[in-house]
């Protein structure tokens, strides 16, 4: 799955996105995504290149795919 990142200020409907924010999964149809990529509003990253906050926080973002933190990340960033 690809991660879509906004590379300039972008408004989609009532939602405003700042530079560097992830676009939520299924926020746009594929044709609209391709148009925004052509216009340099969005960039696509492979999951191996950039980790997705939507997948890391899947319980809160309503994402169907999940990604786990590594043991080092859990020790550094998670509250226990």
Protein backbone atom coordinates (compact mmCIF):
# COMPACT_ATOMS: atom_id res chain seq x y z
CA UNK A 1 0.00 0.00 0.00
CA UNK A 2 1.21 3.50 -0.80
CA UNK A 3 1.29 6.40 1.66
CA UNK A 4 0.10 9.71 0.25
CA UNK A 5 1.74 12.85 1.64
CA UNK A 6 0.59 16.42 0.99
CA UNK A 7 3.50 18.53 -0.26
CA UNK A 8 1.73 21.88 -0.21
CA UNK A 9 -1.38 23.31 1.44
CA UNK A 10 -4.39 21.40 0.13
CA UNK A 11 -8.13 21.58 0.71
CA UNK A 12 -10.37 18.61 -0.02
CA UNK A 13 -13.99 19.41 0.69
CA UNK A 14 -14.06 20.85 4.21
CA UNK A 15 -10.71 19.31 5.21
CA UNK A 16 -7.50 21.37 5.14
CA UNK A 17 -4.11 19.66 4.97
CA UNK A 18 -0.72 21.23 5.65
CA UNK A 19 2.60 20.40 4.00
CA UNK A 20 3.89 17.03 5.22
CA UNK A 21 0.57 15.64 6.45
CA UNK A 22 -0.66 12.24 5.34
CA UNK A 23 -3.81 12.00 3.31
CA UNK A 24 -6.19 9.53 4.99
CA UNK A 25 -6.71 6.24 3.14
CA UNK A 26 -9.63 6.34 0.69
CA UNK A 27 -10.03 10.14 1.02
CA UNK A 28 -9.98 10.50 -2.78
CA UNK A 29 -10.68 8.26 -5.76
CA UNK A 30 -7.61 7.09 -7.69
CA UNK A 31 -8.26 9.53 -10.59
CA UNK A 32 -8.20 12.51 -8.20
CA UNK A 33 -5.04 11.21 -6.52
CA UNK A 34 -3.29 10.97 -9.89
CA UNK A 35 -4.41 14.51 -10.78
CA UNK A 36 -3.02 15.90 -7.49
CA UNK A 37 0.25 13.98 -8.01
CA UNK A 38 0.58 15.52 -11.50
CA UNK A 39 -0.08 18.99 -10.04
CA UNK A 40 2.59 18.38 -7.36
CA UNK A 41 0.08 18.58 -4.49
CA UNK A 42 0.70 14.98 -3.35
CA UNK A 43 3.56 12.52 -3.40
CA UNK A 44 3.32 8.72 -3.05
CA UNK A 45 5.72 6.70 -0.92
CA UNK A 46 6.03 2.95 -0.65
CA UNK A 47 5.31 1.65 2.84
CA UNK A 48 8.97 0.61 3.07
CA UNK A 49 10.11 4.22 2.45
CA UNK A 50 7.85 5.96 4.94
CA UNK A 51 5.80 4.56 7.79
CA UNK A 52 2.13 5.46 7.89
CA UNK A 53 0.65 7.09 10.98
CA UNK A 54 -2.76 5.88 9.80
CA UNK A 55 -1.51 2.27 9.96
CA UNK A 56 0.43 2.80 13.22
CA UNK A 57 -2.66 4.31 14.87
CA UNK A 58 -5.19 2.15 13.03
CA UNK A 59 -7.58 1.97 15.99
CA UNK A 60 -8.01 5.74 15.87
CA UNK A 61 -7.76 6.38 12.12
CA UNK A 62 -10.23 3.69 10.95
CA UNK A 63 -7.54 2.16 8.73
CA UNK A 64 -8.05 -1.50 7.85
CA UNK A 65 -4.28 -2.20 7.82
CA UNK A 66 -2.12 -2.21 10.94
CA UNK A 67 1.58 -1.55 11.46
CA UNK A 68 3.44 -2.16 14.73
CA UNK A 69 6.16 -0.19 16.47
CA UNK A 70 9.49 -1.92 16.91
CA UNK A 71 10.72 -2.85 20.42
CA UNK A 72 13.10 0.12 20.38
CA UNK A 73 10.30 2.48 19.35
CA UNK A 74 8.00 1.13 22.06
CA UNK A 75 10.69 1.70 24.67
CA UNK A 76 11.42 5.22 23.42
CA UNK A 77 7.94 6.52 22.62
CA UNK A 78 5.23 4.48 24.35
CA UNK A 79 3.83 4.93 27.81
CA UNK A 80 3.71 1.74 29.85
